[in-house]
Amino acid sequence: MKKFTGFSKAGIIIGITAISFLVIDGNNKATDFNNYDFYSIISPNADNGEIGDHVKGNPNAPVVIFEYADFQCGYCALMNPRVNNIVEEANGNLAIVYRNYLLSYHQNGTAAASAAEAAGLQGYWKEYSDKLFSEQDEWAYASASERTALFNKYFESVTNGNGNLEQFTSDLSSANVSKKIKFDMGIGKRLDIPGTPSFYIDGQIIDYGNKNGSSIVINDTTISWDHQLTGDEFNQLIFDIIDAKLGTE
């Protein structure tokens, strides 16, 4: 599998390691994925444990981008506040759909995804996801017992003590949460996701990290770049995509 790229702390694109699958079965052979459009928002159903796609921004936005990420991925953590800001600045014209794509060598990635999904069952998916990314250095290589204590602390924090902690800890290991993660992984496997974070629109990968540049076609408009994009250049690319979608270029 080819290597992909992500953001460094300086906002410059750098390489990350290719992915293998040991933690979650990305094939998910129990699900008939022919029934799904991977480039549309997927509602809760039996295959995904009655947990639908998580959407940042306006779910009815004219522009829908799909992000595949891992909570223990350092580049995903760096990208997360940038994505949040882009969604806010898009003024309702953009939805970012988040799907789990776990890297096998991340010892706490599966547990983190499970915690986010468990928090989501009580309506706190975004808040908890943001907390996981912002506190990644604290929990990423924690022991199982330390990780549990931290995840519980984060839940209490993002819910301001109003969440059901007992339910949260029960849902962490629930069949539905497991099905949701496996469902996301099954989609990612079929798309042959090259690394995290990866972004897709209209069946095309937004290959912002390609050192030789790349291009996408939006409403017959070709948007191209000839180098790896920095953080601010990535922002501009997303707004160029929005303009092309809206026909305002």
C-alpha atoms as a PDB file:
ATOM      1  CA  MET A   1       0.000   0.000   0.000  1.00  0.00           C
ATOM      2  CA  LYS A   2       1.332   3.402  -0.890  1.00  0.00           C
ATOM      3  CA  LYS A   3       2.406   5.964   1.665  1.00  0.00           C
ATOM      4  CA  PHE A   4       0.437   9.105   2.325  1.00  0.00           C
ATOM      5  CA  THR A   5       1.307  12.387   4.002  1.00  0.00           C
ATOM      6  CA  GLY A   6       0.071  14.662   6.767  1.00  0.00           C
ATOM      7  CA  PHE A   7       0.788  17.875   8.589  1.00  0.00           C
ATOM      8  CA  SER A   8       3.806  18.541  10.753  1.00  0.00           C
ATOM      9  CA  LYS A   9       3.581  20.809  13.778  1.00  0.00           C
ATOM     10  CA  ALA A  10       4.962  23.609  11.658  1.00  0.00           C
ATOM     11  CA  GLY A  11       2.092  23.230   9.206  1.00  0.00           C
ATOM     12  CA  ILE A  12       4.287  21.627   6.546  1.00  0.00           C
ATOM     13  CA  ILE A  13       3.400  18.347   4.903  1.00  0.00           C
ATOM     14  CA  ILE A  14       5.535  15.365   5.893  1.00  0.00           C
ATOM     15  CA  GLY A  15       5.309  11.610   5.313  1.00  0.00           C
ATOM     16  CA  ILE A  16       3.609   9.043   7.526  1.00  0.00           C
ATOM     17  CA  THR A  17       3.777   5.298   7.584  1.00  0.00           C
ATOM     18  CA  ALA A  18       1.678   3.013   5.411  1.00  0.00           C
ATOM     19  CA  ILE A  19      -1.204   1.203   7.088  1.00  0.00           C
ATOM     20  CA  SER A  20      -1.780  -2.436   7.932  1.00  0.00           C
ATOM     21  CA  PHE A  21      -4.803  -4.035   9.618  1.00  0.00           C
ATOM     22  CA  LEU A  22      -4.481  -6.039  12.798  1.00  0.00           C
ATOM     23  CA  VAL A  23      -6.771  -4.384  15.314  1.00  0.00           C
ATOM     24  CA  ILE A  24     -10.022  -4.229  13.359  1.00  0.00           C
ATOM     25  CA  ASP A  25     -11.081  -6.444  10.462  1.00  0.00           C
ATOM     26  CA  GLY A  26     -11.356  -3.906   7.690  1.00  0.00           C
ATOM     27  CA  ASN A  27     -12.979  -6.443   5.371  1.00  0.00           C
ATOM     28  CA  ASN A  28     -16.093  -6.747   7.570  1.00  0.00           C
ATOM     29  CA  LYS A  29     -17.397  -9.615   5.467  1.00  0.00           C
ATOM     30  CA  ALA A  30     -20.646  -9.754   7.446  1.00  0.00           C
ATOM     31  CA  THR A  31     -21.835  -6.545   5.737  1.00  0.00           C
ATOM     32  CA  ASP A  32     -22.888  -6.196   2.103  1.00  0.00           C
ATOM     33  CA  PHE A  33     -21.243  -2.882   1.278  1.00  0.00           C
ATOM     34  CA  ASN A  34     -22.793  -2.896  -2.189  1.00  0.00           C
ATOM     35  CA  ASN A  35     -25.862  -1.494  -0.447  1.00  0.00           C
ATOM     36  CA  TYR A  36     -24.064   1.740   0.454  1.00  0.00           C
ATOM     37  CA  ASP A  37     -22.923   4.891  -1.295  1.00  0.00           C
ATOM     38  CA  PHE A  38     -19.628   5.717   0.387  1.00  0.00           C
ATOM     39  CA  TYR A  39     -19.893   9.349  -0.747  1.00  0.00           C
ATOM     40  CA  SER A  40     -23.207  10.047   0.935  1.00  0.00           C
ATOM     41  CA  ILE A  41     -24.015  10.444   4.623  1.00  0.00           C
ATOM     42  CA  ILE A  42     -25.008   7.031   5.968  1.00  0.00           C
ATOM     43  CA  SER A  43     -27.874   6.900   8.451  1.00  0.00           C
ATOM     44  CA  PRO A  44     -28.086   4.600  11.488  1.00  0.00           C
ATOM     45  CA  ASN A  45     -28.889   1.025  10.494  1.00  0.00           C
ATOM     46  CA  ALA A  46     -28.319  -2.553  11.605  1.00  0.00           C
ATOM     47  CA  ASP A  47     -24.950  -2.815   9.825  1.00  0.00           C
ATOM     48  CA  ASN A  48     -23.394   0.148  11.651  1.00  0.00           C
ATOM     49  CA  GLY A  49     -24.852  -0.686  15.042  1.00  0.00           C
ATOM     50  CA  GLU A  50     -27.552   1.963  14.648  1.00  0.00           C
ATOM     51  CA  ILE A  51     -24.838   4.633  14.801  1.00  0.00           C
ATOM     52  CA  GLY A  52     -24.819   6.800  11.696  1.00  0.00           C
ATOM     53  CA  ASP A  53     -22.094   8.996  10.247  1.00  0.00           C
ATOM     54  CA  HIS A  54     -20.823  11.809  12.443  1.00  0.00           C
ATOM     55  CA  VAL A  55     -21.158  15.162  10.708  1.00  0.00           C
ATOM     56  CA  LYS A  56     -19.367  18.405  11.493  1.00  0.00           C
ATOM     57  CA  GLY A  57     -21.237  21.360  10.073  1.00  0.00           C
ATOM     58  CA  ASN A  58     -24.497  21.399   8.155  1.00  0.00           C
ATOM     59  CA  PRO A  59     -25.591  17.856   7.178  1.00  0.00           C
ATOM     60  CA  ASN A  60     -27.593  19.412   4.330  1.00  0.00           C
ATOM     61  CA  ALA A  61     -24.655  21.471   3.073  1.00  0.00           C
ATOM     62  CA  PRO A  62     -24.018  21.617  -0.684  1.00  0.00           C
ATOM     63  CA  VAL A  63     -20.439  20.427  -0.099  1.00  0.00           C
ATOM     64  CA  VAL A  64     -19.806  17.164   1.740  1.00  0.00           C
ATOM     65  CA  ILE A  65     -16.250  15.988   2.400  1.00  0.00           C
ATOM     66  CA  PHE A  66     -15.444  12.649   4.011  1.00  0.00           C
ATOM     67  CA  GLU A  67     -12.562  12.398   6.474  1.00  0.00           C
ATOM     68  CA  TYR A  68     -10.968   9.089   7.507  1.00  0.00           C
ATOM     69  CA  ALA A  69      -8.933   9.455  10.686  1.00  0.00           C
ATOM     70  CA  ASP A  70      -7.560   7.775  13.794  1.00  0.00           C
ATOM     71  CA  PHE A  71      -7.716   9.455  17.202  1.00  0.00           C
ATOM     72  CA  GLN A  72      -4.162   8.339  18.004  1.00  0.00           C
ATOM     73  CA  CYS A  73      -2.785   9.722  14.723  1.00  0.00           C
ATOM     74  CA  GLY A  74      -0.686  12.793  15.449  1.00  0.00           C
ATOM     75  CA  TYR A  75      -1.395  14.348  12.061  1.00  0.00           C
ATOM     76  CA  CYS A  76      -5.135  13.883  12.603  1.00  0.00           C
ATOM     77  CA  ALA A  77      -4.837  15.722  15.915  1.00  0.00           C
ATOM     78  CA  LEU A  78      -3.058  18.607  14.198  1.00  0.00           C
ATOM     79  CA  MET A  79      -5.686  18.699  11.460  1.00  0.00           C
ATOM     80  CA  ASN A  80      -8.714  18.569  13.769  1.00  0.00           C
ATOM     81  CA  PRO A  81      -8.826  22.237  14.885  1.00  0.00           C
ATOM     82  CA  ARG A  82      -8.126  23.304  11.305  1.00  0.00           C
ATOM     83  CA  VAL A  83     -11.080  21.245  10.074  1.00  0.00           C
ATOM     84  CA  ASN A  84     -13.297  22.706  12.810  1.00  0.00           C
ATOM     85  CA  ASN A  85     -12.316  26.229  11.799  1.00  0.00           C
ATOM     86  CA  ILE A  86     -12.915  25.574   8.113  1.00  0.00           C
ATOM     87  CA  VAL A  87     -16.400  24.227   8.863  1.00  0.00           C
ATOM     88  CA  GLU A  88     -17.204  27.304  10.936  1.00  0.00           C
ATOM     89  CA  GLU A  89     -15.902  29.710   8.298  1.00  0.00           C
ATOM     90  CA  ALA A  90     -17.881  27.962   5.560  1.00  0.00           C
ATOM     91  CA  ASN A  91     -21.128  29.405   6.960  1.00  0.00           C
ATOM     92  CA  GLY A  92     -23.265  26.318   6.464  1.00  0.00           C
ATOM     93  CA  ASN A  93     -21.902  25.419   3.035  1.00  0.00           C
ATOM     94  CA  LEU A  94     -19.709  22.542   4.231  1.00  0.00           C
ATOM     95  CA  ALA A  95     -20.173  19.255   6.031  1.00  0.00           C
ATOM     96  CA  ILE A  96     -17.231  17.118   7.106  1.00  0.00           C
ATOM     97  CA  VAL A  97     -18.193  13.500   7.687  1.00  0.00           C
ATOM     98  CA  TYR A  98     -15.864  11.699  10.089  1.00  0.00           C
ATOM     99  CA  ARG A  99     -15.246   7.959   9.761  1.00  0.00           C
ATOM    100  CA  ASN A 100     -12.955   5.827  11.891  1.00  0.00           C
ATOM    101  CA  TYR A 101      -9.884   4.421  10.192  1.00  0.00           C
ATOM    102  CA  LEU A 102      -7.678   2.734  12.768  1.00  0.00           C
ATOM    103  CA  LEU A 103      -3.956   2.162  12.391  1.00  0.00           C
ATOM    104  CA  SER A 104      -2.939  -1.239  13.712  1.00  0.00           C
ATOM    105  CA  TYR A 105       0.205   0.005  15.434  1.00  0.00           C
ATOM    106  CA  HIS A 106      -1.699   2.483  17.627  1.00  0.00           C
ATOM    107  CA  GLN A 107      -2.166   0.637  20.901  1.00  0.00           C
ATOM    108  CA  ASN A 108      -5.018   2.826  22.163  1.00  0.00           C
ATOM    109  CA  GLY A 109      -6.650   3.820  18.882  1.00  0.00           C
ATOM    110  CA  THR A 110      -9.470   1.290  19.073  1.00  0.00           C
ATOM    111  CA  ALA A 111     -10.236   2.183  22.688  1.00  0.00           C
ATOM    112  CA  ALA A 112     -10.295   5.891  21.808  1.00  0.00           C
ATOM    113  CA  ALA A 113     -12.670   5.341  18.887  1.00  0.00           C
ATOM    114  CA  SER A 114     -14.892   3.258  21.161  1.00  0.00           C
ATOM    115  CA  ALA A 115     -14.905   6.025  23.763  1.00  0.00           C
ATOM    116  CA  ALA A 116     -15.875   8.639  21.179  1.00  0.00           C
ATOM    117  CA  GLU A 117     -18.694   6.446  19.898  1.00  0.00           C
ATOM    118  CA  ALA A 118     -19.872   5.748  23.458  1.00  0.00           C
ATOM    119  CA  ALA A 119     -19.927   9.473  24.213  1.00  0.00           C
ATOM    120  CA  GLY A 120     -21.795   9.987  20.959  1.00  0.00           C
ATOM    121  CA  LEU A 121     -24.603   7.750  22.138  1.00  0.00           C
ATOM    122  CA  GLN A 122     -25.298  10.437  24.741  1.00  0.00           C
ATOM    123  CA  GLY A 123     -24.966  13.288  22.247  1.00  0.00           C
ATOM    124  CA  TYR A 124     -21.349  14.274  22.914  1.00  0.00           C
ATOM    125  CA  TRP A 125     -19.452  12.830  19.963  1.00  0.00           C
ATOM    126  CA  LYS A 126     -17.924  16.103  18.701  1.00  0.00           C
ATOM    127  CA  GLU A 127     -17.012  17.403  22.143  1.00  0.00           C
ATOM    128  CA  TYR A 128     -15.433  14.105  23.095  1.00  0.00           C
ATOM    129  CA  SER A 129     -13.608  13.763  19.785  1.00  0.00           C
ATOM    130  CA  ASP A 130     -12.137  17.238  20.152  1.00  0.00           C
ATOM    131  CA  LYS A 131     -11.034  16.329  23.682  1.00  0.00           C
ATOM    132  CA  LEU A 132      -9.339  13.132  22.514  1.00  0.00           C
ATOM    133  CA  PHE A 133      -7.390  15.017  19.873  1.00  0.00           C
ATOM    134  CA  SER A 134      -6.414  17.901  22.146  1.00  0.00           C
ATOM    135  CA  GLU A 135      -5.281  15.542  24.938  1.00  0.00           C
ATOM    136  CA  GLN A 136      -3.714  12.949  22.654  1.00  0.00           C
ATOM    137  CA  ASP A 137      -0.263  13.187  24.236  1.00  0.00           C
ATOM    138  CA  GLU A 138      -1.769  12.297  27.612  1.00  0.00           C
ATOM    139  CA  TRP A 139      -3.608   9.083  26.692  1.00  0.00           C
ATOM    140  CA  ALA A 140      -1.946   7.785  23.512  1.00  0.00           C
ATOM    141  CA  TYR A 141       0.514   5.454  25.237  1.00  0.00           C
ATOM    142  CA  ALA A 142      -1.203   5.075  28.591  1.00  0.00           C
ATOM    143  CA  SER A 143      -1.711   1.680  30.156  1.00  0.00           C
ATOM    144  CA  ALA A 144      -5.195   0.169  30.046  1.00  0.00           C
ATOM    145  CA  SER A 145      -6.021   1.262  33.586  1.00  0.00           C
ATOM    146  CA  GLU A 146      -4.614   4.757  33.069  1.00  0.00           C
ATOM    147  CA  ARG A 147      -6.464   5.043  29.780  1.00  0.00           C
ATOM    148  CA  THR A 148      -9.770   4.103  31.392  1.00  0.00           C
ATOM    149  CA  ALA A 149      -9.351   6.715  34.108  1.00  0.00           C
ATOM    150  CA  LEU A 150      -8.482   9.375  31.541  1.00  0.00           C
ATOM    151  CA  PHE A 151     -11.368   8.516  29.239  1.00  0.00           C
ATOM    152  CA  ASN A 152     -13.779   8.687  32.181  1.00  0.00           C
ATOM    153  CA  LYS A 153     -12.303  12.049  33.183  1.00  0.00           C
ATOM    154  CA  TYR A 154     -12.740  13.387  29.649  1.00  0.00           C
ATOM    155  CA  PHE A 155     -16.361  12.234  29.632  1.00  0.00           C
ATOM    156  CA  GLU A 156     -17.089  14.026  32.881  1.00  0.00           C
ATOM    157  CA  SER A 157     -15.377  17.128  31.476  1.00  0.00           C
ATOM    158  CA  VAL A 158     -17.161  17.368  28.125  1.00  0.00           C
ATOM    159  CA  THR A 159     -20.558  16.615  29.691  1.00  0.00           C
ATOM    160  CA  ASN A 160     -19.996  19.019  32.592  1.00  0.00           C
ATOM    161  CA  GLY A 161     -20.894  16.141  34.879  1.00  0.00           C
ATOM    162  CA  ASN A 162     -24.324  15.741  33.269  1.00  0.00           C
ATOM    163  CA  GLY A 163     -23.557  12.548  31.365  1.00  0.00           C
ATOM    164  CA  ASN A 164     -24.243   9.017  32.535  1.00  0.00           C
ATOM    165  CA  LEU A 165     -20.755   7.697  33.296  1.00  0.00           C
ATOM    166  CA  GLU A 166     -21.971   4.187  34.052  1.00  0.00           C
ATOM    167  CA  GLN A 167     -23.712   4.021  30.684  1.00  0.00           C
ATOM    168  CA  PHE A 168     -20.624   5.433  28.986  1.00  0.00           C
ATOM    169  CA  THR A 169     -18.355   2.740  30.425  1.00  0.00           C
ATOM    170  CA  SER A 170     -20.877   0.062  29.467  1.00  0.00           C
ATOM    171  CA  ASP A 171     -21.215   1.348  25.905  1.00  0.00           C
ATOM    172  CA  LEU A 172     -17.438   1.352  25.422  1.00  0.00           C
ATOM    173  CA  SER A 173     -17.500  -2.400  24.940  1.00  0.00           C
ATOM    174  CA  SER A 174     -20.979  -2.706  23.456  1.00  0.00           C
ATOM    175  CA  ALA A 175     -21.744  -4.674  20.322  1.00  0.00           C
ATOM    176  CA  ASN A 176     -23.190  -1.602  18.603  1.00  0.00           C
ATOM    177  CA  VAL A 177     -20.062   0.490  19.138  1.00  0.00           C
ATOM    178  CA  SER A 178     -17.937  -2.362  17.826  1.00  0.00           C
ATOM    179  CA  LYS A 179     -20.177  -2.696  14.756  1.00  0.00           C
ATOM    180  CA  LYS A 180     -19.925   1.020  14.030  1.00  0.00           C
ATOM    181  CA  ILE A 181     -16.125   0.956  14.067  1.00  0.00           C
ATOM    182  CA  LYS A 182     -15.984  -2.192  11.943  1.00  0.00           C
ATOM    183  CA  PHE A 183     -18.452  -0.643   9.506  1.00  0.00           C
ATOM    184  CA  ASP A 184     -16.296   2.457   9.068  1.00  0.00           C
ATOM    185  CA  MET A 185     -13.215   0.306   8.684  1.00  0.00           C
ATOM    186  CA  GLY A 186     -14.974  -1.797   6.073  1.00  0.00           C
ATOM    187  CA  ILE A 187     -15.646   1.275   3.967  1.00  0.00           C
ATOM    188  CA  GLY A 188     -12.064   2.459   4.367  1.00  0.00           C
ATOM    189  CA  LYS A 189     -10.717  -0.918   3.312  1.00  0.00           C
ATOM    190  CA  ARG A 190     -12.805  -0.889   0.163  1.00  0.00           C
ATOM    191  CA  LEU A 191     -11.630   2.615  -0.698  1.00  0.00           C
ATOM    192  CA  ASP A 192      -8.037   1.531  -0.072  1.00  0.00           C
ATOM    193  CA  ILE A 193      -7.438   4.514   2.201  1.00  0.00           C
ATOM    194  CA  PRO A 194      -3.730   5.398   1.839  1.00  0.00           C
ATOM    195  CA  GLY A 195      -3.217   6.940   5.291  1.00  0.00           C
ATOM    196  CA  THR A 196      -4.662   9.290   7.861  1.00  0.00           C
ATOM    197  CA  PRO A 197      -6.088  11.815   7.709  1.00  0.00           C
ATOM    198  CA  SER A 198      -7.560  11.220   4.248  1.00  0.00           C
ATOM    199  CA  PHE A 199     -10.254  13.393   2.669  1.00  0.00           C
ATOM    200  CA  TYR A 200     -12.609  12.506  -0.184  1.00  0.00           C
ATOM    201  CA  ILE A 201     -15.220  14.364  -2.208  1.00  0.00           C
ATOM    202  CA  ASP A 202     -17.397  13.118  -5.066  1.00  0.00           C
ATOM    203  CA  GLY A 203     -15.470   9.876  -5.301  1.00  0.00           C
ATOM    204  CA  GLN A 204     -12.074  11.601  -5.460  1.00  0.00           C
ATOM    205  CA  ILE A 205      -9.290  11.749  -2.918  1.00  0.00           C
ATOM    206  CA  ILE A 206      -8.094  15.242  -2.038  1.00  0.00           C
ATOM    207  CA  ASP A 207      -4.422  14.300  -2.286  1.00  0.00           C
ATOM    208  CA  TYR A 208      -3.074  17.445  -0.645  1.00  0.00           C
ATOM    209  CA  GLY A 209       0.093  15.709   0.517  1.00  0.00           C
ATOM    210  CA  ASN A 210       1.372  14.510  -2.849  1.00  0.00           C
ATOM    211  CA  LYS A 211       4.821  16.052  -3.292  1.00  0.00           C
ATOM    212  CA  ASN A 212       4.213  16.286  -7.047  1.00  0.00           C
ATOM    213  CA  GLY A 213       0.794  17.856  -6.664  1.00  0.00           C
ATOM    214  CA  SER A 214      -2.568  16.511  -7.767  1.00  0.00           C
ATOM    215  CA  SER A 215      -5.982  17.641  -8.977  1.00  0.00           C
ATOM    216  CA  ILE A 216      -9.699  17.085  -8.562  1.00  0.00           C
ATOM    217  CA  VAL A 217     -12.668  17.918 -10.777  1.00  0.00           C
ATOM    218  CA  ILE A 218     -15.624  19.703  -9.208  1.00  0.00           C
ATOM    219  CA  ASN A 219     -18.627  20.499 -11.423  1.00  0.00           C
ATOM    220  CA  ASP A 220     -16.411  20.361 -14.542  1.00  0.00           C
ATOM    221  CA  THR A 221     -13.905  22.714 -12.900  1.00  0.00           C
ATOM    222  CA  THR A 222     -10.402  21.279 -12.492  1.00  0.00           C
ATOM    223  CA  ILE A 223      -8.632  22.372  -9.320  1.00  0.00           C
ATOM    224  CA  SER A 224      -4.957  21.472  -9.367  1.00  0.00           C
ATOM    225  CA  TRP A 225      -1.797  22.021  -7.324  1.00  0.00           C
ATOM    226  CA  ASP A 226       1.814  21.191  -8.135  1.00  0.00           C
ATOM    227  CA  HIS A 227       3.315  20.574  -4.683  1.00  0.00           C
ATOM    228  CA  GLN A 228       2.548  19.379  -1.174  1.00  0.00           C
ATOM    229  CA  LEU A 229       0.219  21.833   0.477  1.00  0.00           C
ATOM    230  CA  THR A 230       0.901  23.653   3.715  1.00  0.00           C
ATOM    231  CA  GLY A 231      -1.857  24.106   6.264  1.00  0.00           C
ATOM    232  CA  ASP A 232      -3.022  27.474   4.931  1.00  0.00           C
ATOM    233  CA  GLU A 233      -2.875  26.177   1.364  1.00  0.00           C
ATOM    234  CA  PHE A 234      -5.090  23.272   2.405  1.00  0.00           C
ATOM    235  CA  ASN A 235      -7.600  25.785   3.784  1.00  0.00           C
ATOM    236  CA  GLN A 236      -7.614  27.639   0.484  1.00  0.00           C
ATOM    237  CA  LEU A 237      -8.073  24.404  -1.434  1.00  0.00           C
ATOM    238  CA  ILE A 238     -11.199  23.553   0.565  1.00  0.00           C
ATOM    239  CA  PHE A 239     -12.656  26.999  -0.087  1.00  0.00           C
ATOM    240  CA  ASP A 240     -11.815  26.646  -3.793  1.00  0.00           C
ATOM    241  CA  ILE A 241     -13.754  23.372  -3.723  1.00  0.00           C
ATOM    242  CA  ILE A 242     -16.704  25.096  -2.068  1.00  0.00           C
ATOM    243  CA  ASP A 243     -16.659  27.884  -4.658  1.00  0.00           C
ATOM    244  CA  ALA A 244     -16.583  25.361  -7.498  1.00  0.00           C
ATOM    245  CA  LYS A 245     -19.479  23.447  -5.977  1.00  0.00           C
ATOM    246  CA  LEU A 246     -21.506  26.603  -5.564  1.00  0.00           C
ATOM    247  CA  GLY A 247     -20.551  27.858  -9.010  1.00  0.00           C
ATOM    248  CA  THR A 248     -19.065  31.067  -7.632  1.00  0.00           C
ATOM    249  CA  GLU A 249     -15.564  30.784  -9.118  1.00  0.00           C
END
